């Protein structure tokens, strides 16, 4: 089996048309047809069936495509790793991040890194902590910012950079808005605006409420920090949000208040794959992050 056959197979499967695949590959149609026939002969199965001028994958063709995609992906990663080994100041780093770290944390560190390594590119992917952890484990992304940093996964390595408080966010017209500090129990009868179920911040807030003896009455759930802030500003509920998300861009119709009881915190850091070496550009970025937050923690954030 030749690598060229896999590339031809994948292109035909994507285009569902041999002529279109040949045009995309810049080779003759006969060359593509011949390589597909050789591949089918070697495997002893039919990978495509004809439907008029088009072709469709057979059932076994779909099975083969899943494995072919993985093989080609690993080959491309190997190619990229060799290239980055020879050119460590170039390359593209695939980074994942949750919504709660999108506004300040991610832009700050990428901007600082690009000043030292302007030729390194980034591909960004947003998702929940669970989604991002799975993506790192599967090799779909290289490094993910997460909060909280998972402790119970054996397929990734977690590195905590700092711990931050969650603060109460209230409408400015709320009867408790003038209080210097609040006990979480004082909000037990309030409607809450939270991230939807499945997000780490949802679990963190509901657990904190249960810790002081009540189950939060959830009025709205969302996936975006700004939306949650806006709903609180409109007087539709209260929320608990990470301090870093409230340090800037606080809506004018809201007020943030520290909690005296309980002390609700979350860890912030990154995860990297376990059992796979980071490429040189990825390693540089990870080492940069480690040093960046060491300095930041030393002098105060």
C-alpha atoms as a PDB file:
ATOM      1  CA  UNK A   1       0.000   0.000   0.000  1.00  0.00           C
ATOM      2  CA  UNK A   2       1.400   3.376  -1.010  1.00  0.00           C
ATOM      3  CA  UNK A   3       0.853   6.730   0.649  1.00  0.00           C
ATOM      4  CA  UNK A   4      -0.160   8.137  -2.741  1.00  0.00           C
ATOM      5  CA  UNK A   5      -3.034   5.646  -2.862  1.00  0.00           C
ATOM      6  CA  UNK A   6      -4.338   6.904   0.479  1.00  0.00           C
ATOM      7  CA  UNK A   7      -4.249  10.520  -0.696  1.00  0.00           C
ATOM      8  CA  UNK A   8      -6.045   9.612  -3.934  1.00  0.00           C
ATOM      9  CA  UNK A   9      -8.605   7.537  -2.011  1.00  0.00           C
ATOM     10  CA  UNK A  10      -9.336  10.373   0.423  1.00  0.00           C
ATOM     11  CA  UNK A  11      -9.733  12.931  -2.371  1.00  0.00           C
ATOM     12  CA  UNK A  12     -12.152  10.720  -4.326  1.00  0.00           C
ATOM     13  CA  UNK A  13     -14.120  10.034  -1.121  1.00  0.00           C
ATOM     14  CA  UNK A  14     -14.341  13.770  -0.422  1.00  0.00           C
ATOM     15  CA  UNK A  15     -15.284  14.803  -3.983  1.00  0.00           C
ATOM     16  CA  UNK A  16     -17.409  11.723  -4.746  1.00  0.00           C
ATOM     17  CA  UNK A  17     -16.189  12.129  -8.321  1.00  0.00           C
ATOM     18  CA  UNK A  18     -13.031  10.685  -9.889  1.00  0.00           C
ATOM     19  CA  UNK A  19     -12.589  13.476 -12.460  1.00  0.00           C
ATOM     20  CA  UNK A  20     -13.031  16.200  -9.829  1.00  0.00           C
ATOM     21  CA  UNK A  21     -10.541  14.420  -7.554  1.00  0.00           C
ATOM     22  CA  UNK A  22      -8.007  14.153 -10.401  1.00  0.00           C
ATOM     23  CA  UNK A  23      -8.394  17.868 -11.178  1.00  0.00           C
ATOM     24  CA  UNK A  24      -7.844  18.756  -7.529  1.00  0.00           C
ATOM     25  CA  UNK A  25      -4.767  16.494  -7.360  1.00  0.00           C
ATOM     26  CA  UNK A  26      -3.416  17.819 -10.698  1.00  0.00           C
ATOM     27  CA  UNK A  27      -3.036  14.340 -12.157  1.00  0.00           C
ATOM     28  CA  UNK A  28      -4.726  12.428 -14.946  1.00  0.00           C
ATOM     29  CA  UNK A  29      -8.063  10.751 -14.229  1.00  0.00           C
ATOM     30  CA  UNK A  30      -6.632   7.446 -15.404  1.00  0.00           C
ATOM     31  CA  UNK A  31      -3.881   7.681 -12.773  1.00  0.00           C
ATOM     32  CA  UNK A  32      -6.436   8.120 -10.003  1.00  0.00           C
ATOM     33  CA  UNK A  33      -8.628   5.280 -11.289  1.00  0.00           C
ATOM     34  CA  UNK A  34      -5.613   2.986 -11.555  1.00  0.00           C
ATOM     35  CA  UNK A  35      -4.413   3.694  -8.009  1.00  0.00           C
ATOM     36  CA  UNK A  36      -7.906   3.181  -6.561  1.00  0.00           C
ATOM     37  CA  UNK A  37      -8.182  -0.128  -8.459  1.00  0.00           C
ATOM     38  CA  UNK A  38      -4.755  -1.217  -7.142  1.00  0.00           C
ATOM     39  CA  UNK A  39      -5.800  -0.320  -3.589  1.00  0.00           C
ATOM     40  CA  UNK A  40      -9.062  -2.264  -3.863  1.00  0.00           C
ATOM     41  CA  UNK A  41      -7.183  -5.237  -5.339  1.00  0.00           C
ATOM     42  CA  UNK A  42      -4.680  -5.224  -2.477  1.00  0.00           C
ATOM     43  CA  UNK A  43      -7.411  -4.974   0.164  1.00  0.00           C
ATOM     44  CA  UNK A  44      -9.647  -7.469  -1.594  1.00  0.00           C
ATOM     45  CA  UNK A  45     -12.764  -5.286  -1.213  1.00  0.00           C
ATOM     46  CA  UNK A  46     -14.716  -2.724  -3.197  1.00  0.00           C
ATOM     47  CA  UNK A  47     -14.308   0.746  -1.686  1.00  0.00           C
ATOM     48  CA  UNK A  48     -16.603   2.686  -4.051  1.00  0.00           C
ATOM     49  CA  UNK A  49     -19.802   2.072  -5.965  1.00  0.00           C
ATOM     50  CA  UNK A  50     -20.826   4.097  -9.008  1.00  0.00           C
ATOM     51  CA  UNK A  51     -23.967   6.253  -8.982  1.00  0.00           C
ATOM     52  CA  UNK A  52     -24.215   7.726 -12.449  1.00  0.00           C
ATOM     53  CA  UNK A  53     -21.143   9.919 -12.901  1.00  0.00           C
ATOM     54  CA  UNK A  54     -20.524  10.025  -9.184  1.00  0.00           C
ATOM     55  CA  UNK A  55     -19.066   7.478  -6.791  1.00  0.00           C
ATOM     56  CA  UNK A  56     -20.030   6.684  -3.196  1.00  0.00           C
ATOM     57  CA  UNK A  57     -18.176   4.872  -0.459  1.00  0.00           C
ATOM     58  CA  UNK A  58     -19.300   1.360   0.313  1.00  0.00           C
ATOM     59  CA  UNK A  59     -19.823   0.327   3.929  1.00  0.00           C
ATOM     60  CA  UNK A  60     -16.321  -1.093   4.112  1.00  0.00           C
ATOM     61  CA  UNK A  61     -15.121   2.029   2.314  1.00  0.00           C
ATOM     62  CA  UNK A  62     -16.374   4.143   5.227  1.00  0.00           C
ATOM     63  CA  UNK A  63     -14.554   1.856   7.670  1.00  0.00           C
ATOM     64  CA  UNK A  64     -11.331   2.168   5.684  1.00  0.00           C
ATOM     65  CA  UNK A  65     -11.712   5.958   5.431  1.00  0.00           C
ATOM     66  CA  UNK A  66     -11.817   6.343   9.229  1.00  0.00           C
ATOM     67  CA  UNK A  67      -8.456   4.592   9.535  1.00  0.00           C
ATOM     68  CA  UNK A  68      -7.001   6.318   6.466  1.00  0.00           C
ATOM     69  CA  UNK A  69      -7.830   9.731   7.967  1.00  0.00           C
ATOM     70  CA  UNK A  70      -5.987   8.794  11.163  1.00  0.00           C
ATOM     71  CA  UNK A  71      -2.972   7.516   9.212  1.00  0.00           C
ATOM     72  CA  UNK A  72      -2.729  10.624   7.043  1.00  0.00           C
ATOM     73  CA  UNK A  73      -3.163  12.882  10.067  1.00  0.00           C
ATOM     74  CA  UNK A  74      -0.263  11.151  11.849  1.00  0.00           C
ATOM     75  CA  UNK A  75       1.915  11.362   8.745  1.00  0.00           C
ATOM     76  CA  UNK A  76       1.205  15.084   8.429  1.00  0.00           C
ATOM     77  CA  UNK A  77       2.044  15.540  12.104  1.00  0.00           C
ATOM     78  CA  UNK A  78       5.303  13.654  11.573  1.00  0.00           C
ATOM     79  CA  UNK A  79       6.119  15.904   8.634  1.00  0.00           C
ATOM     80  CA  UNK A  80       5.321  18.988  10.673  1.00  0.00           C
ATOM     81  CA  UNK A  81       7.419  17.746  13.602  1.00  0.00           C
ATOM     82  CA  UNK A  82      10.448  17.216  11.364  1.00  0.00           C
ATOM     83  CA  UNK A  83       9.977  20.654   9.811  1.00  0.00           C
ATOM     84  CA  UNK A  84       9.656  22.298  13.222  1.00  0.00           C
ATOM     85  CA  UNK A  85      12.701  20.420  14.496  1.00  0.00           C
ATOM     86  CA  UNK A  86      14.677  22.042  11.703  1.00  0.00           C
ATOM     87  CA  UNK A  87      12.823  25.377  12.080  1.00  0.00           C
ATOM     88  CA  UNK A  88      11.740  25.672  15.734  1.00  0.00           C
ATOM     89  CA  UNK A  89      10.654  29.321  15.414  1.00  0.00           C
ATOM     90  CA  UNK A  90       7.947  28.457  12.883  1.00  0.00           C
ATOM     91  CA  UNK A  91       4.963  26.171  12.899  1.00  0.00           C
ATOM     92  CA  UNK A  92       1.307  26.311  13.889  1.00  0.00           C
ATOM     93  CA  UNK A  93       0.095  25.580  17.413  1.00  0.00           C
ATOM     94  CA  UNK A  94      -3.460  24.317  17.869  1.00  0.00           C
ATOM     95  CA  UNK A  95      -4.848  25.807  21.069  1.00  0.00           C
ATOM     96  CA  UNK A  96      -8.126  25.154  22.857  1.00  0.00           C
ATOM     97  CA  UNK A  97      -9.773  27.470  25.365  1.00  0.00           C
ATOM     98  CA  UNK A  98     -13.061  27.868  27.266  1.00  0.00           C
ATOM     99  CA  UNK A  99     -15.234  30.950  26.908  1.00  0.00           C
ATOM    100  CA  UNK A 100     -14.355  32.178  30.397  1.00  0.00           C
ATOM    101  CA  UNK A 101     -10.686  32.625  29.411  1.00  0.00           C
ATOM    102  CA  UNK A 102     -11.289  34.092  25.954  1.00  0.00           C
ATOM    103  CA  UNK A 103     -11.485  37.800  26.741  1.00  0.00           C
ATOM    104  CA  UNK A 104      -8.280  38.428  28.690  1.00  0.00           C
ATOM    105  CA  UNK A 105      -6.091  35.407  29.424  1.00  0.00           C
ATOM    106  CA  UNK A 106      -5.715  34.027  25.912  1.00  0.00           C
ATOM    107  CA  UNK A 107      -5.079  37.300  24.009  1.00  0.00           C
ATOM    108  CA  UNK A 108      -2.595  38.459  26.653  1.00  0.00           C
ATOM    109  CA  UNK A 109      -0.333  35.410  26.503  1.00  0.00           C
ATOM    110  CA  UNK A 110      -0.512  34.935  22.722  1.00  0.00           C
ATOM    111  CA  UNK A 111       0.355  38.590  22.146  1.00  0.00           C
ATOM    112  CA  UNK A 112       3.340  38.358  24.511  1.00  0.00           C
ATOM    113  CA  UNK A 113       4.545  35.128  22.859  1.00  0.00           C
ATOM    114  CA  UNK A 114       4.213  36.504  19.316  1.00  0.00           C
ATOM    115  CA  UNK A 115       6.500  39.417  20.202  1.00  0.00           C
ATOM    116  CA  UNK A 116       9.295  36.879  20.732  1.00  0.00           C
ATOM    117  CA  UNK A 117       8.233  34.388  18.042  1.00  0.00           C
ATOM    118  CA  UNK A 118       6.414  36.310  15.294  1.00  0.00           C
ATOM    119  CA  UNK A 119       6.565  33.450  12.764  1.00  0.00           C
ATOM    120  CA  UNK A 120       4.597  30.984  14.885  1.00  0.00           C
ATOM    121  CA  UNK A 121       0.918  30.727  13.952  1.00  0.00           C
ATOM    122  CA  UNK A 122      -2.091  29.635  15.991  1.00  0.00           C
ATOM    123  CA  UNK A 123      -5.292  27.724  15.323  1.00  0.00           C
ATOM    124  CA  UNK A 124      -7.893  28.371  18.015  1.00  0.00           C
ATOM    125  CA  UNK A 125     -10.729  26.139  19.170  1.00  0.00           C
ATOM    126  CA  UNK A 126     -13.307  26.997  21.806  1.00  0.00           C
ATOM    127  CA  UNK A 127     -15.216  24.487  23.914  1.00  0.00           C
ATOM    128  CA  UNK A 128     -16.058  23.140  27.339  1.00  0.00           C
ATOM    129  CA  UNK A 129     -13.321  21.723  29.568  1.00  0.00           C
ATOM    130  CA  UNK A 130     -14.559  18.193  28.832  1.00  0.00           C
ATOM    131  CA  UNK A 131     -14.510  18.785  25.065  1.00  0.00           C
ATOM    132  CA  UNK A 132     -11.050  20.368  25.159  1.00  0.00           C
ATOM    133  CA  UNK A 133      -9.595  17.611  27.337  1.00  0.00           C
ATOM    134  CA  UNK A 134     -10.890  14.964  24.947  1.00  0.00           C
ATOM    135  CA  UNK A 135      -9.494  16.913  21.980  1.00  0.00           C
ATOM    136  CA  UNK A 136      -6.011  17.076  23.532  1.00  0.00           C
ATOM    137  CA  UNK A 137      -6.154  13.374  24.331  1.00  0.00           C
ATOM    138  CA  UNK A 138      -7.119  12.516  20.735  1.00  0.00           C
ATOM    139  CA  UNK A 139      -4.451  14.769  19.209  1.00  0.00           C
ATOM    140  CA  UNK A 140      -6.993  17.148  17.660  1.00  0.00           C
ATOM    141  CA  UNK A 141      -5.374  20.097  19.467  1.00  0.00           C
ATOM    142  CA  UNK A 142      -1.932  20.468  21.036  1.00  0.00           C
ATOM    143  CA  UNK A 143      -2.472  22.504  24.206  1.00  0.00           C
ATOM    144  CA  UNK A 144      -5.652  23.658  25.950  1.00  0.00           C
ATOM    145  CA  UNK A 145      -6.258  26.363  28.513  1.00  0.00           C
ATOM    146  CA  UNK A 146      -8.712  24.963  31.043  1.00  0.00           C
ATOM    147  CA  UNK A 147     -10.396  25.855  34.296  1.00  0.00           C
ATOM    148  CA  UNK A 148     -10.527  24.010  36.533  1.00  0.00           C
ATOM    149  CA  UNK A 149      -7.461  21.955  35.653  1.00  0.00           C
ATOM    150  CA  UNK A 150      -8.614  18.292  35.663  1.00  0.00           C
ATOM    151  CA  UNK A 151      -7.100  16.011  38.288  1.00  0.00           C
ATOM    152  CA  UNK A 152      -8.663  12.681  37.375  1.00  0.00           C
ATOM    153  CA  UNK A 153      -7.546  12.217  33.767  1.00  0.00           C
ATOM    154  CA  UNK A 154      -4.687   9.810  33.048  1.00  0.00           C
ATOM    155  CA  UNK A 155      -4.392  10.729  29.356  1.00  0.00           C
ATOM    156  CA  UNK A 156      -3.349  14.379  29.836  1.00  0.00           C
ATOM    157  CA  UNK A 157      -0.941  16.299  32.063  1.00  0.00           C
ATOM    158  CA  UNK A 158      -2.408  19.297  33.884  1.00  0.00           C
ATOM    159  CA  UNK A 159      -0.367  22.340  34.921  1.00  0.00           C
ATOM    160  CA  UNK A 160      -1.929  24.952  37.233  1.00  0.00           C
ATOM    161  CA  UNK A 161      -0.791  28.549  36.690  1.00  0.00           C
ATOM    162  CA  UNK A 162      -2.958  30.341  39.249  1.00  0.00           C
ATOM    163  CA  UNK A 163      -6.086  30.123  41.386  1.00  0.00           C
ATOM    164  CA  UNK A 164      -8.771  32.801  41.313  1.00  0.00           C
ATOM    165  CA  UNK A 165     -11.930  33.652  43.243  1.00  0.00           C
ATOM    166  CA  UNK A 166     -15.472  33.645  41.965  1.00  0.00           C
ATOM    167  CA  UNK A 167     -17.348  36.864  42.719  1.00  0.00           C
ATOM    168  CA  UNK A 168     -21.056  37.554  42.933  1.00  0.00           C
ATOM    169  CA  UNK A 169     -22.454  39.674  40.085  1.00  0.00           C
ATOM    170  CA  UNK A 170     -25.678  41.512  40.903  1.00  0.00           C
ATOM    171  CA  UNK A 171     -27.846  44.101  39.153  1.00  0.00           C
ATOM    172  CA  UNK A 172     -26.965  47.541  40.489  1.00  0.00           C
ATOM    173  CA  UNK A 173     -30.589  47.987  41.622  1.00  0.00           C
ATOM    174  CA  UNK A 174     -30.506  44.821  43.761  1.00  0.00           C
ATOM    175  CA  UNK A 175     -31.183  45.347  47.516  1.00  0.00           C
ATOM    176  CA  UNK A 176     -27.805  43.744  48.346  1.00  0.00           C
ATOM    177  CA  UNK A 177     -25.815  45.751  45.772  1.00  0.00           C
ATOM    178  CA  UNK A 178     -24.373  48.128  48.405  1.00  0.00           C
ATOM    179  CA  UNK A 179     -23.001  45.361  50.621  1.00  0.00           C
ATOM    180  CA  UNK A 180     -19.170  45.233  50.783  1.00  0.00           C
ATOM    181  CA  UNK A 181     -19.249  41.428  51.043  1.00  0.00           C
ATOM    182  CA  UNK A 182     -21.881  38.711  50.793  1.00  0.00           C
ATOM    183  CA  UNK A 183     -22.475  35.242  52.131  1.00  0.00           C
ATOM    184  CA  UNK A 184     -23.580  32.960  49.314  1.00  0.00           C
ATOM    185  CA  UNK A 185     -26.550  31.896  51.464  1.00  0.00           C
ATOM    186  CA  UNK A 186     -27.950  35.432  51.140  1.00  0.00           C
ATOM    187  CA  UNK A 187     -28.678  34.677  47.467  1.00  0.00           C
ATOM    188  CA  UNK A 188     -30.601  31.444  48.037  1.00  0.00           C
ATOM    189  CA  UNK A 189     -33.951  32.951  46.973  1.00  0.00           C
ATOM    190  CA  UNK A 190     -32.545  34.685  43.883  1.00  0.00           C
ATOM    191  CA  UNK A 191     -32.857  33.526  40.265  1.00  0.00           C
ATOM    192  CA  UNK A 192     -29.425  32.554  38.912  1.00  0.00           C
ATOM    193  CA  UNK A 193     -27.903  33.097  35.468  1.00  0.00           C
ATOM    194  CA  UNK A 194     -25.318  30.380  34.838  1.00  0.00           C
ATOM    195  CA  UNK A 195     -23.353  28.593  32.166  1.00  0.00           C
ATOM    196  CA  UNK A 196     -25.332  25.649  30.872  1.00  0.00           C
ATOM    197  CA  UNK A 197     -25.048  22.180  32.367  1.00  0.00           C
ATOM    198  CA  UNK A 198     -21.881  20.434  31.193  1.00  0.00           C
ATOM    199  CA  UNK A 199     -19.691  23.500  31.679  1.00  0.00           C
ATOM    200  CA  UNK A 200     -17.266  23.473  34.599  1.00  0.00           C
ATOM    201  CA  UNK A 201     -18.508  26.818  35.957  1.00  0.00           C
ATOM    202  CA  UNK A 202     -22.053  25.464  36.167  1.00  0.00           C
ATOM    203  CA  UNK A 203     -20.907  22.586  38.345  1.00  0.00           C
ATOM    204  CA  UNK A 204     -18.676  24.850  40.445  1.00  0.00           C
ATOM    205  CA  UNK A 205     -21.487  27.281  41.255  1.00  0.00           C
ATOM    206  CA  UNK A 206     -24.158  24.648  41.918  1.00  0.00           C
ATOM    207  CA  UNK A 207     -21.749  22.747  44.191  1.00  0.00           C
ATOM    208  CA  UNK A 208     -20.941  25.922  46.147  1.00  0.00           C
ATOM    209  CA  UNK A 209     -24.662  26.605  46.645  1.00  0.00           C
ATOM    210  CA  UNK A 210     -25.291  23.050  47.808  1.00  0.00           C
ATOM    211  CA  UNK A 211     -22.365  23.413  50.211  1.00  0.00           C
ATOM    212  CA  UNK A 212     -24.233  26.175  52.064  1.00  0.00           C
ATOM    213  CA  UNK A 213     -27.570  24.349  51.986  1.00  0.00           C
ATOM    214  CA  UNK A 214     -29.560  25.331  48.904  1.00  0.00           C
ATOM    215  CA  UNK A 215     -30.065  24.393  45.283  1.00  0.00           C
ATOM    216  CA  UNK A 216     -29.860  27.429  42.986  1.00  0.00           C
ATOM    217  CA  UNK A 217     -33.008  28.356  41.075  1.00  0.00           C
ATOM    218  CA  UNK A 218     -31.664  28.698  37.535  1.00  0.00           C
ATOM    219  CA  UNK A 219     -33.555  31.232  35.440  1.00  0.00           C
ATOM    220  CA  UNK A 220     -31.234  31.314  32.427  1.00  0.00           C
ATOM    221  CA  UNK A 221     -28.354  29.210  31.109  1.00  0.00           C
ATOM    222  CA  UNK A 222     -25.862  30.293  28.457  1.00  0.00           C
ATOM    223  CA  UNK A 223     -22.493  29.587  26.868  1.00  0.00           C
ATOM    224  CA  UNK A 224     -21.088  33.117  26.696  1.00  0.00           C
ATOM    225  CA  UNK A 225     -19.722  35.351  29.465  1.00  0.00           C
ATOM    226  CA  UNK A 226     -20.997  38.573  27.885  1.00  0.00           C
ATOM    227  CA  UNK A 227     -24.501  37.140  27.527  1.00  0.00           C
ATOM    228  CA  UNK A 228     -24.562  36.153  31.195  1.00  0.00           C
ATOM    229  CA  UNK A 229     -23.331  39.611  32.222  1.00  0.00           C
ATOM    230  CA  UNK A 230     -25.985  41.209  30.029  1.00  0.00           C
ATOM    231  CA  UNK A 231     -28.793  39.162  31.569  1.00  0.00           C
ATOM    232  CA  UNK A 232     -27.654  40.167  35.065  1.00  0.00           C
ATOM    233  CA  UNK A 233     -27.433  43.810  33.950  1.00  0.00           C
ATOM    234  CA  UNK A 234     -31.030  43.544  32.721  1.00  0.00           C
ATOM    235  CA  UNK A 235     -32.106  42.522  36.230  1.00  0.00           C
ATOM    236  CA  UNK A 236     -33.005  38.958  35.269  1.00  0.00           C
ATOM    237  CA  UNK A 237     -30.903  37.229  37.926  1.00  0.00           C
ATOM    238  CA  UNK A 238     -27.604  37.037  39.769  1.00  0.00           C
ATOM    239  CA  UNK A 239     -24.492  35.054  38.945  1.00  0.00           C
ATOM    240  CA  UNK A 240     -21.107  33.922  40.226  1.00  0.00           C
ATOM    241  CA  UNK A 241     -18.291  34.566  37.765  1.00  0.00           C
ATOM    242  CA  UNK A 242     -14.477  34.291  37.835  1.00  0.00           C
ATOM    243  CA  UNK A 243     -12.684  37.413  39.000  1.00  0.00           C
ATOM    244  CA  UNK A 244     -10.662  37.630  35.771  1.00  0.00           C
ATOM    245  CA  UNK A 245     -13.858  37.954  33.696  1.00  0.00           C
ATOM    246  CA  UNK A 246     -15.014  40.883  35.841  1.00  0.00           C
ATOM    247  CA  UNK A 247     -11.755  42.834  35.951  1.00  0.00           C
ATOM    248  CA  UNK A 248     -12.659  44.605  32.705  1.00  0.00           C
ATOM    249  CA  UNK A 249     -15.795  45.208  30.633  1.00  0.00           C
ATOM    250  CA  UNK A 250     -18.128  45.143  33.627  1.00  0.00           C
ATOM    251  CA  UNK A 251     -21.607  46.238  32.481  1.00  0.00           C
ATOM    252  CA  UNK A 252     -22.610  49.596  33.942  1.00  0.00           C
ATOM    253  CA  UNK A 253     -25.827  48.228  35.435  1.00  0.00           C
ATOM    254  CA  UNK A 254     -24.063  45.586  37.557  1.00  0.00           C
ATOM    255  CA  UNK A 255     -21.913  45.398  40.651  1.00  0.00           C
ATOM    256  CA  UNK A 256     -19.377  42.741  41.666  1.00  0.00           C
ATOM    257  CA  UNK A 257     -19.129  41.718  45.317  1.00  0.00           C
ATOM    258  CA  UNK A 258     -16.714  39.363  47.084  1.00  0.00           C
ATOM    259  CA  UNK A 259     -18.039  36.322  48.904  1.00  0.00           C
ATOM    260  CA  UNK A 260     -17.087  35.885  52.556  1.00  0.00           C
ATOM    261  CA  UNK A 261     -18.581  32.400  52.809  1.00  0.00           C
ATOM    262  CA  UNK A 262     -17.787  30.026  51.240  1.00  0.00           C
ATOM    263  CA  UNK A 263     -14.496  30.808  49.508  1.00  0.00           C
ATOM    264  CA  UNK A 264     -15.305  29.735  45.931  1.00  0.00           C
ATOM    265  CA  UNK A 265     -12.237  29.387  43.718  1.00  0.00           C
ATOM    266  CA  UNK A 266     -11.133  27.710  40.509  1.00  0.00           C
ATOM    267  CA  UNK A 267      -7.733  26.667  39.186  1.00  0.00           C
ATOM    268  CA  UNK A 268      -6.554  28.002  35.820  1.00  0.00           C
ATOM    269  CA  UNK A 269      -3.875  26.381  33.707  1.00  0.00           C
ATOM    270  CA  UNK A 270      -3.212  24.227  30.674  1.00  0.00           C
ATOM    271  CA  UNK A 271      -3.276  20.583  29.722  1.00  0.00           C
ATOM    272  CA  UNK A 272      -0.892  18.846  27.342  1.00  0.00           C
ATOM    273  CA  UNK A 273      -1.016  15.287  26.016  1.00  0.00           C
ATOM    274  CA  UNK A 274       0.527  12.496  28.026  1.00  0.00           C
ATOM    275  CA  UNK A 275       2.610  10.024  26.064  1.00  0.00           C
ATOM    276  CA  UNK A 276       3.259  12.333  23.103  1.00  0.00           C
ATOM    277  CA  UNK A 277       6.215  14.694  22.769  1.00  0.00           C
ATOM    278  CA  UNK A 278       5.288  18.292  22.068  1.00  0.00           C
ATOM    279  CA  UNK A 279       6.638  19.644  18.768  1.00  0.00           C
ATOM    280  CA  UNK A 280       9.409  22.258  19.167  1.00  0.00           C
ATOM    281  CA  UNK A 281       7.098  25.261  18.638  1.00  0.00           C
ATOM    282  CA  UNK A 282       4.538  23.751  21.061  1.00  0.00           C
ATOM    283  CA  UNK A 283       7.264  23.116  23.625  1.00  0.00           C
ATOM    284  CA  UNK A 284       8.480  26.718  23.302  1.00  0.00           C
ATOM    285  CA  UNK A 285       4.969  28.003  23.881  1.00  0.00           C
ATOM    286  CA  UNK A 286       4.426  25.752  26.901  1.00  0.00           C
ATOM    287  CA  UNK A 287       7.759  26.825  28.441  1.00  0.00           C
ATOM    288  CA  UNK A 288       6.893  30.453  27.713  1.00  0.00           C
ATOM    289  CA  UNK A 289       3.555  30.069  29.530  1.00  0.00           C
ATOM    290  CA  UNK A 290       5.225  28.459  32.533  1.00  0.00           C
ATOM    291  CA  UNK A 291       7.749  31.300  32.831  1.00  0.00           C
ATOM    292  CA  UNK A 292       5.119  33.979  32.094  1.00  0.00           C
ATOM    293  CA  UNK A 293       2.908  32.918  34.985  1.00  0.00           C
ATOM    294  CA  UNK A 294       5.824  32.309  37.333  1.00  0.00           C
ATOM    295  CA  UNK A 295       6.803  35.955  36.874  1.00  0.00           C
ATOM    296  CA  UNK A 296       3.194  37.129  37.102  1.00  0.00           C
ATOM    297  CA  UNK A 297       2.584  35.202  40.327  1.00  0.00           C
ATOM    298  CA  UNK A 298       5.835  36.463  41.830  1.00  0.00           C
ATOM    299  CA  UNK A 299       4.902  40.101  41.376  1.00  0.00           C
ATOM    300  CA  UNK A 300       1.135  39.712  41.725  1.00  0.00           C
ATOM    301  CA  UNK A 301      -1.377  39.513  38.913  1.00  0.00           C
END
